[in-house]
Amino acid sequence: MKELINRPQYIEQLIQNKDVDLVKIVTGIRRCGKSSILDLYHQYLSENGVDESHIIHMNLESLRFRDITDHIKFYDYVAEQIQPGGKTYLIFDELQNVPSWEKAIESFRLDYDVDIYITGSNAYLLSTEFSTLLSGRYVEIKVLPLSFKEFLTFYDFDTSVTMEEKFQKYLQFGGMPILREYKFNEARVDQALEGIYSTVVLKDILQRNSQADNTTLQKIMRFMCSNIGSITSPNNIGVILSNEGDIREGKSKGIAGKTVNKYISMLCSAYIFSSVGRYDVKGKQLLKTLEKNYIIDLGFRNMLLGFRGADRGHIIENIVYLELIRRDWRVYIGKVGETEVDFVAEKPGDKLYIQVTESIQSPETRDRELRPLQMIRDNYEKIILSMDRDFITSYEGIKSINLIDWLLSE
């Protein structure tokens, strides 16, 4: 049996939702660790007094369940296993293999004292479809690839390796858990990432979108990888790609913005990219134009484009975005007059403003990064994150924090 490394953040979310009458759906890009998290949760239940007879854990990709060919057979099989007296925990992996699975799930909820947890291939279990399938009676737990903090627990480093060197490995290889088995062998890592990426493109995007063109999708993907953290619009992307001369819609027209927008939606639905809208801090309203796109794991970007240290500013901005999402912040790009704040992060009753930069050692950079934060007049926390280690930790109340320290702070 494979070694399970704890991911307490997600186990804690499952525990907080335990015995709540909602179906728990664990989502995320392929191979980000969803099945392992359900295995860990099964372990938690066993260690906390739930008898194994009250845990039904099925991976529907196993040939053991090859006779379960529809939701009726699925329902009958599981119903026979449910023991009387007390709650039964139903854990289903790769549930998309059962046609009309949602009908059986809804029936289990109605007929038995059960608590249900499911995951499945994103080709069939995309978040936009949950509300139709389960009429809102679910909670979605979004699993991301490893955070830097998790990355340090997954890998064994020699004691001579500095924290900065470990962080450099994280920037280069990303956080897909499966890569641990390759011990930073670049060629093998790229092979593994290529396999995951190709499966996502083929099964989660092209199979679901019969009108989608693979060449156009790959071009847009590469463009977005090259421009993470840059403000873009679908129209601008369409113009740039059309001017490159190798993407056309029809005989002469360039690629249209609405077509680009469709492809970006496909990439977001397959959990490869995340789009972030802009927020006018002074007007306190969301803006409908322009947005930034961040990739869900930098390993894919580096596999497609090669690892380029020149883009470090945008790369670390991408990492900060993912960390804010992990910490349950709702994230926007901030507009303050004519300037911009990298991130406005919100929780009920709380707000956080963040600027991200490689360094603020030069006076020009420091002034440029501080100015948007100084223009915001409310009393919420304002932070500059950089790779600097400096004795100055505050500029007129704006905190200056080393990025690695911040990533390890929670």
Protein backbone atom coordinates (compact mmCIF):
# COMPACT_ATOMS: atom_id res chain seq x y z
CA MET A 1 0.00 0.00 0.00
CA LYS A 2 1.30 3.48 -0.87
CA GLU A 3 2.71 5.69 1.86
CA LEU A 4 0.26 8.44 2.83
CA ILE A 5 1.68 11.81 3.82
CA ASN A 6 -0.73 13.90 5.84
CA ARG A 7 -2.34 17.01 4.35
CA PRO A 8 -3.96 18.39 7.47
CA GLN A 9 -5.56 21.43 5.84
CA TYR A 10 -7.88 19.25 3.74
CA ILE A 11 -8.49 16.62 6.40
CA GLU A 12 -9.52 19.46 8.73
CA GLN A 13 -12.04 20.72 6.15
CA LEU A 14 -13.53 17.24 5.86
CA ILE A 15 -13.68 16.94 9.66
CA GLN A 16 -15.44 20.31 9.91
CA ASN A 17 -18.06 19.04 7.43
CA LYS A 18 -18.39 15.61 9.04
CA ASP A 19 -22.02 14.53 9.70
CA VAL A 20 -23.37 17.68 8.03
CA ASP A 21 -26.22 16.68 5.71
CA LEU A 22 -24.41 17.70 2.53
CA VAL A 23 -22.49 15.58 0.03
CA LYS A 24 -18.78 16.39 0.31
CA ILE A 25 -17.26 16.64 -3.18
CA VAL A 26 -13.45 16.78 -3.36
CA THR A 27 -12.30 18.53 -6.56
CA GLY A 28 -9.05 19.63 -8.15
CA ILE A 29 -6.78 19.02 -11.12
CA ARG A 30 -5.91 15.39 -11.89
CA ARG A 31 -3.22 13.83 -9.69
CA CYS A 32 -3.27 16.62 -7.10
CA GLY A 33 -3.92 14.11 -4.31
CA LYS A 34 -7.71 13.85 -4.02
CA SER A 35 -7.79 10.04 -3.62
CA SER A 36 -5.01 10.13 -1.02
CA ILE A 37 -6.96 12.70 0.97
CA LEU A 38 -9.99 10.37 1.04
CA ASP A 39 -7.67 7.53 2.14
CA LEU A 40 -6.35 9.75 4.93
CA TYR A 41 -9.89 10.64 5.95
CA HIS A 42 -10.86 6.94 6.07
CA GLN A 43 -7.86 6.46 8.36
CA TYR A 44 -9.05 9.36 10.55
CA LEU A 45 -12.53 7.84 10.88
CA SER A 46 -11.08 4.44 11.87
CA GLU A 47 -8.80 6.02 14.45
CA ASN A 48 -11.66 8.00 15.94
CA GLY A 49 -14.09 5.28 16.84
CA VAL A 50 -15.90 4.51 13.59
CA ASP A 51 -16.08 0.75 13.08
CA GLU A 52 -14.85 -0.48 9.67
CA SER A 53 -18.27 -2.05 9.10
CA HIS A 54 -19.66 1.51 9.06
CA ILE A 55 -17.21 2.73 6.41
CA ILE A 56 -17.90 1.80 2.79
CA HIS A 57 -14.96 2.96 0.66
CA MET A 58 -15.07 2.15 -3.06
CA ASN A 59 -12.79 3.15 -5.93
CA LEU A 60 -15.05 2.66 -8.94
CA GLU A 61 -12.07 2.29 -11.28
CA SER A 62 -11.26 -1.07 -9.67
CA LEU A 63 -12.30 -4.15 -11.63
CA ARG A 64 -13.70 -5.45 -8.37
CA PHE A 65 -16.74 -3.30 -9.17
CA ARG A 66 -16.91 -4.11 -12.91
CA ASP A 67 -20.48 -5.44 -12.58
CA ILE A 68 -21.72 -2.08 -11.30
CA THR A 69 -22.79 -0.69 -14.66
CA ASP A 70 -25.55 1.73 -13.68
CA HIS A 71 -26.92 3.67 -10.73
CA ILE A 72 -29.46 0.94 -9.83
CA LYS A 73 -26.78 -1.74 -9.46
CA PHE A 74 -24.63 0.76 -7.60
CA TYR A 75 -27.47 1.58 -5.20
CA ASP A 76 -28.32 -2.07 -4.59
CA TYR A 77 -24.68 -3.05 -3.97
CA VAL A 78 -24.06 -0.27 -1.45
CA ALA A 79 -27.45 -0.65 0.24
CA GLU A 80 -26.63 -4.30 1.02
CA GLN A 81 -23.42 -3.23 2.77
CA ILE A 82 -25.03 -0.57 5.01
CA GLN A 83 -25.25 -1.84 8.57
CA PRO A 84 -28.15 -0.94 10.90
CA GLY A 85 -27.49 1.07 14.04
CA GLY A 86 -25.51 4.28 13.66
CA LYS A 87 -24.23 6.37 10.79
CA THR A 88 -22.42 4.81 7.82
CA TYR A 89 -19.70 6.76 6.00
CA LEU A 90 -19.78 6.36 2.22
CA ILE A 91 -16.52 7.22 0.40
CA PHE A 92 -16.62 6.95 -3.40
CA ASP A 93 -13.61 7.53 -5.65
CA GLU A 94 -13.88 7.93 -9.45
CA LEU A 95 -17.65 7.98 -9.24
CA GLN A 96 -18.01 9.18 -12.83
CA ASN A 97 -17.68 5.52 -13.89
CA VAL A 98 -21.26 4.93 -12.73
CA PRO A 99 -23.82 6.41 -15.17
CA SER A 100 -26.42 8.60 -13.40
CA TRP A 101 -24.50 8.25 -10.11
CA GLU A 102 -26.18 11.38 -8.71
CA LYS A 103 -29.56 9.58 -8.55
CA ALA A 104 -28.08 6.88 -6.30
CA ILE A 105 -26.30 9.47 -4.13
CA GLU A 106 -29.52 11.41 -3.59
CA SER A 107 -31.35 8.18 -2.74
CA PHE A 108 -28.71 7.17 -0.13
CA ARG A 109 -29.26 10.56 1.53
CA LEU A 110 -33.02 10.01 1.66
CA ASP A 111 -33.10 6.33 2.63
CA TYR A 112 -30.24 5.83 5.10
CA ASP A 113 -28.31 7.45 7.93
CA VAL A 114 -25.18 8.17 5.88
CA ASP A 115 -22.44 10.76 5.42
CA ILE A 116 -21.19 10.89 1.81
CA TYR A 117 -17.80 11.84 0.34
CA ILE A 118 -16.99 11.65 -3.36
CA THR A 119 -14.31 12.49 -5.87
CA GLY A 120 -13.94 11.80 -9.56
CA SER A 121 -12.29 12.66 -12.82
CA ASN A 122 -12.83 16.29 -13.71
CA ALA A 123 -13.94 15.19 -17.16
CA TYR A 124 -17.26 14.32 -15.52
CA LEU A 125 -17.32 16.07 -12.15
CA LEU A 126 -16.79 19.73 -12.87
CA SER A 127 -17.95 22.26 -10.31
CA THR A 128 -20.30 24.02 -12.73
CA GLU A 129 -22.38 20.82 -12.93
CA PHE A 130 -22.75 20.07 -9.23
CA SER A 131 -25.72 22.34 -8.68
CA THR A 132 -27.67 20.57 -11.43
CA LEU A 133 -26.71 17.07 -10.32
CA LEU A 134 -27.28 17.49 -6.60
CA SER A 135 -29.60 20.51 -6.44
CA GLY A 136 -27.24 22.44 -4.18
CA ARG A 137 -27.03 19.75 -1.50
CA TYR A 138 -23.25 19.54 -1.53
CA VAL A 139 -20.11 21.30 -0.35
CA GLU A 140 -17.08 21.49 -2.64
CA ILE A 141 -13.62 21.05 -1.13
CA LYS A 142 -11.05 22.30 -3.61
CA VAL A 143 -7.69 20.55 -3.44
CA LEU A 144 -4.64 22.39 -4.74
CA PRO A 145 -1.19 20.97 -5.46
CA LEU A 146 1.27 21.17 -2.56
CA SER A 147 1.88 24.46 -0.80
CA PHE A 148 5.53 25.29 -0.04
CA LYS A 149 4.94 24.22 3.54
CA GLU A 150 3.56 20.85 2.37
CA PHE A 151 6.38 20.54 -0.18
CA LEU A 152 8.90 20.62 2.70
CA THR A 153 7.13 17.69 4.40
CA PHE A 154 6.90 15.63 1.18
CA TYR A 155 10.60 15.77 0.26
CA ASP A 156 13.74 14.75 2.14
CA PHE A 157 16.47 17.36 1.90
CA ASP A 158 20.10 17.12 2.94
CA THR A 159 20.78 19.23 6.03
CA SER A 160 23.17 21.42 4.00
CA VAL A 161 20.34 22.62 1.71
CA THR A 162 19.22 26.14 2.66
CA MET A 163 15.58 27.24 2.81
CA GLU A 164 16.18 29.51 -0.20
CA GLU A 165 17.49 26.52 -2.19
CA LYS A 166 14.42 24.47 -1.21
CA PHE A 167 12.22 27.33 -2.36
CA GLN A 168 14.07 27.44 -5.67
CA LYS A 169 13.23 23.73 -6.16
CA TYR A 170 9.59 24.52 -5.44
CA LEU A 171 9.59 27.31 -8.03
CA GLN A 172 11.10 24.96 -10.58
CA PHE A 173 9.21 21.71 -10.00
CA GLY A 174 5.91 22.87 -8.54
CA GLY A 175 3.74 20.93 -6.13
CA MET A 176 2.19 17.91 -7.84
CA PRO A 177 2.49 15.16 -5.16
CA ILE A 178 3.37 12.37 -7.63
CA LEU A 179 6.70 14.09 -8.44
CA ARG A 180 8.06 13.09 -5.04
CA GLU A 181 8.81 9.67 -6.51
CA TYR A 182 11.27 11.18 -9.02
CA LYS A 183 13.51 12.95 -6.45
CA PHE A 184 14.01 16.08 -8.60
CA ASN A 185 15.10 14.15 -11.72
CA GLU A 186 14.28 16.85 -14.27
CA ALA A 187 13.72 14.61 -17.30
CA ARG A 188 11.43 12.20 -15.41
CA VAL A 189 9.53 15.06 -13.77
CA ASP A 190 8.87 16.65 -17.16
CA GLN A 191 7.65 13.28 -18.48
CA ALA A 192 5.26 12.89 -15.58
CA LEU A 193 3.92 16.45 -15.90
CA GLU A 194 3.54 16.01 -19.67
CA GLY A 195 1.47 12.87 -19.03
CA ILE A 196 -0.84 14.63 -16.56
CA TYR A 197 -1.15 17.71 -18.76
CA SER A 198 -1.93 15.66 -21.90
CA THR A 199 -4.61 13.69 -20.01
CA VAL A 200 -6.23 16.88 -18.74
CA VAL A 201 -6.23 18.43 -22.22
CA LEU A 202 -7.47 15.28 -23.94
CA LYS A 203 -10.02 14.00 -21.42
CA ASP A 204 -11.11 17.05 -19.45
CA ILE A 205 -11.17 19.60 -22.27
CA LEU A 206 -11.19 18.19 -25.81
CA GLN A 207 -13.53 15.23 -25.11
CA ARG A 208 -16.01 17.53 -23.41
CA ASN A 209 -15.83 20.32 -25.99
CA SER A 210 -16.21 18.79 -29.42
CA GLN A 211 -15.79 22.16 -31.15
CA ALA A 212 -12.46 22.85 -29.44
CA ASP A 213 -9.34 22.86 -31.61
CA ASN A 214 -6.24 21.34 -30.03
CA THR A 215 -3.79 23.71 -31.79
CA THR A 216 -5.70 26.80 -30.70
CA LEU A 217 -6.01 25.47 -27.14
CA GLN A 218 -2.25 24.80 -26.94
CA LYS A 219 -1.42 28.28 -28.30
CA ILE A 220 -3.70 29.98 -25.78
CA MET A 221 -2.32 27.80 -22.96
CA ARG A 222 1.28 28.73 -23.84
CA PHE A 223 0.37 32.41 -24.14
CA MET A 224 -1.27 32.35 -20.71
CA CYS A 225 1.74 30.53 -19.23
CA SER A 226 4.02 33.25 -20.65
CA ASN A 227 1.82 35.99 -19.22
CA ILE A 228 0.83 34.81 -15.74
CA GLY A 229 0.21 37.79 -13.51
CA SER A 230 -0.20 40.19 -16.45
CA ILE A 231 -3.44 42.03 -17.07
CA THR A 232 -4.97 40.67 -20.26
CA SER A 233 -8.28 40.62 -22.07
CA PRO A 234 -9.55 37.89 -24.40
CA ASN A 235 -9.61 40.48 -27.24
CA ASN A 236 -5.94 41.38 -26.68
CA ILE A 237 -4.93 37.72 -26.61
CA GLY A 238 -6.87 37.11 -29.84
CA VAL A 239 -5.15 40.03 -31.59
CA ILE A 240 -1.66 38.99 -30.45
CA LEU A 241 -2.11 35.34 -31.46
CA SER A 242 -3.65 36.31 -34.80
CA ASN A 243 -0.73 38.66 -35.52
CA GLU A 244 1.63 35.74 -34.97
CA GLY A 245 0.03 34.35 -38.09
CA ASP A 246 -0.72 30.78 -37.09
CA ILE A 247 -4.23 30.94 -35.65
CA ARG A 248 -7.19 31.89 -37.82
CA GLU A 249 -10.96 31.69 -37.54
CA GLY A 250 -12.46 31.25 -40.98
CA LYS A 251 -10.51 32.22 -44.07
CA SER A 252 -9.13 35.60 -43.11
CA LYS A 253 -10.34 36.76 -39.74
CA GLY A 254 -8.15 36.67 -36.66
CA ILE A 255 -9.19 34.71 -33.59
CA ALA A 256 -12.09 36.44 -31.84
CA GLY A 257 -12.07 37.51 -28.22
CA LYS A 258 -15.17 35.47 -27.45
CA THR A 259 -13.41 32.35 -28.78
CA VAL A 260 -10.39 33.05 -26.57
CA ASN A 261 -12.76 33.55 -23.67
CA LYS A 262 -14.29 30.10 -24.28
CA TYR A 263 -10.87 28.46 -24.24
CA ILE A 264 -9.88 30.26 -21.04
CA SER A 265 -13.14 29.00 -19.46
CA MET A 266 -12.24 25.45 -20.53
CA LEU A 267 -8.79 25.74 -18.91
CA CYS A 268 -10.35 27.12 -15.72
CA SER A 269 -13.00 24.37 -15.65
CA ALA A 270 -10.27 21.73 -15.85
CA TYR A 271 -8.53 23.46 -12.90
CA ILE A 272 -5.38 24.33 -14.88
CA PHE A 273 -5.89 28.09 -14.64
CA SER A 274 -7.70 30.47 -12.36
CA SER A 275 -8.96 33.87 -13.53
CA VAL A 276 -8.99 36.80 -11.10
CA GLY A 277 -11.19 39.85 -11.58
CA ARG A 278 -10.34 43.47 -10.77
CA TYR A 279 -11.76 45.48 -7.88
CA ASP A 280 -11.91 49.26 -7.61
CA VAL A 281 -10.74 49.84 -4.04
CA LYS A 282 -12.01 53.42 -3.81
CA GLY A 283 -15.31 52.80 -5.63
CA LYS A 284 -15.72 49.47 -3.80
CA GLN A 285 -16.98 47.65 -6.87
CA LEU A 286 -15.92 44.84 -9.18
CA LEU A 287 -14.78 45.93 -12.63
CA LYS A 288 -15.99 44.03 -15.66
CA THR A 289 -12.94 44.63 -17.85
CA LEU A 290 -9.53 42.98 -17.81
CA GLU A 291 -8.30 40.30 -15.46
CA LYS A 292 -5.24 38.26 -14.55
CA ASN A 293 -4.79 34.53 -14.95
CA TYR A 294 -2.73 32.31 -12.66
CA ILE A 295 -1.68 28.71 -13.28
CA ILE A 296 -2.62 26.07 -10.71
CA ASP A 297 0.91 24.64 -10.59
CA LEU A 298 4.15 26.19 -11.82
CA GLY A 299 5.54 22.77 -12.78
CA PHE A 300 3.21 22.72 -15.82
CA ARG A 301 4.36 26.18 -16.88
CA ASN A 302 8.02 25.23 -16.60
CA MET A 303 7.40 21.96 -18.46
CA LEU A 304 5.82 23.87 -21.37
CA LEU A 305 8.11 26.90 -21.52
CA GLY A 306 11.29 25.83 -19.72
CA PHE A 307 12.27 27.23 -16.33
CA ARG A 308 13.13 30.90 -16.73
CA GLY A 309 14.46 32.85 -13.81
CA ALA A 310 13.78 36.13 -15.63
CA ASP A 311 10.06 35.84 -14.86
CA ARG A 312 10.60 35.48 -11.13
CA GLY A 313 8.42 38.45 -10.19
CA HIS A 314 5.34 36.97 -11.85
CA ILE A 315 6.21 33.45 -10.67
CA ILE A 316 6.25 34.49 -7.00
CA GLU A 317 3.06 36.49 -7.54
CA ASN A 318 1.43 33.27 -8.78
CA ILE A 319 2.58 31.47 -5.62
CA VAL A 320 1.12 34.21 -3.39
CA TYR A 321 -2.23 33.97 -5.23
CA LEU A 322 -2.42 30.20 -4.67
CA GLU A 323 -1.49 30.60 -1.00
CA LEU A 324 -4.24 33.18 -0.44
CA ILE A 325 -6.77 30.77 -1.98
CA ARG A 326 -5.49 27.99 0.29
CA ARG A 327 -6.01 30.25 3.28
CA ASP A 328 -9.67 30.77 2.30
CA TRP A 329 -9.35 34.36 1.10
CA ARG A 330 -11.47 35.59 -1.79
CA VAL A 331 -8.98 37.30 -4.08
CA TYR A 332 -9.16 40.25 -6.51
CA ILE A 333 -6.72 42.49 -8.33
CA GLY A 334 -6.96 45.98 -6.80
CA LYS A 335 -7.30 49.22 -8.77
CA VAL A 336 -6.46 52.38 -6.83
CA GLY A 337 -6.86 55.43 -9.05
CA GLU A 338 -4.39 54.87 -11.89
CA THR A 339 -2.27 52.43 -9.90
CA GLU A 340 -2.72 48.79 -8.98
CA VAL A 341 -2.48 46.61 -5.88
CA ASP A 342 -1.47 43.05 -6.71
CA PHE A 343 -4.05 41.47 -4.41
CA VAL A 344 -7.10 42.55 -2.44
CA ALA A 345 -8.03 39.55 -0.28
CA GLU A 346 -11.35 39.37 1.57
CA LYS A 347 -12.96 37.24 4.26
CA PRO A 348 -16.16 38.05 6.13
CA GLY A 349 -15.27 41.07 8.27
CA ASP A 350 -11.64 41.18 7.15
CA LYS A 351 -9.53 42.46 4.29
CA LEU A 352 -5.87 42.34 3.31
CA TYR A 353 -3.88 44.29 0.70
CA ILE A 354 -0.72 42.73 -0.72
CA GLN A 355 2.03 43.86 -3.06
CA VAL A 356 4.46 41.23 -4.36
CA THR A 357 7.92 42.05 -5.72
CA GLU A 358 11.28 40.33 -6.06
CA SER A 359 13.00 43.07 -4.04
CA ILE A 360 12.35 46.53 -2.62
CA GLN A 361 16.01 47.37 -2.06
CA SER A 362 16.09 50.07 -4.75
CA PRO A 363 14.35 53.35 -3.74
CA GLU A 364 12.50 53.51 -7.10
CA THR A 365 10.98 50.03 -6.69
CA ARG A 366 10.16 50.67 -3.05
CA ASP A 367 8.33 53.92 -3.87
CA ARG A 368 6.45 52.27 -6.75
CA GLU A 369 5.29 49.33 -4.62
CA LEU A 370 4.40 51.43 -1.57
CA ARG A 371 2.45 54.13 -3.43
CA PRO A 372 -0.77 52.14 -4.15
CA LEU A 373 -0.90 50.88 -0.55
CA GLN A 374 -0.34 54.40 0.80
CA MET A 375 -3.30 55.64 -1.27
CA ILE A 376 -5.68 53.24 0.51
CA ARG A 377 -7.13 55.04 3.51
CA ASP A 378 -8.82 52.23 5.44
CA ASN A 379 -7.27 50.45 8.43
CA TYR A 380 -6.99 46.92 7.05
CA GLU A 381 -3.59 45.24 6.98
CA LYS A 382 -1.23 46.18 4.14
CA ILE A 383 1.78 44.03 3.28
CA ILE A 384 4.70 43.99 0.85
CA LEU A 385 6.07 40.50 0.21
CA SER A 386 9.56 40.17 -1.28
CA MET A 387 12.58 37.89 -1.21
CA ASP A 388 14.48 40.50 0.84
CA ARG A 389 15.69 39.89 4.37
CA ASP A 390 15.95 43.31 5.93
CA PHE A 391 15.95 44.82 9.39
CA ILE A 392 13.26 47.29 8.21
CA THR A 393 9.94 45.51 8.77
CA SER A 394 7.53 48.42 8.35
CA TYR A 395 7.11 51.51 6.18
CA GLU A 396 4.60 53.91 7.80
CA GLY A 397 2.52 50.96 9.01
CA ILE A 398 2.87 48.91 5.80
CA LYS A 399 4.51 45.61 6.76
CA SER A 400 7.49 44.30 4.81
CA ILE A 401 7.68 40.49 5.09
CA ASN A 402 10.01 37.95 3.53
CA LEU A 403 7.95 35.77 1.16
CA ILE A 404 9.31 32.45 2.45
CA ASP A 405 8.59 33.47 6.07
CA TRP A 406 5.04 34.41 5.05
CA LEU A 407 4.49 31.09 3.22
CA LEU A 408 5.58 29.19 6.34
CA SER A 409 3.63 31.39 8.78
CA GLU A 410 0.36 29.42 8.87
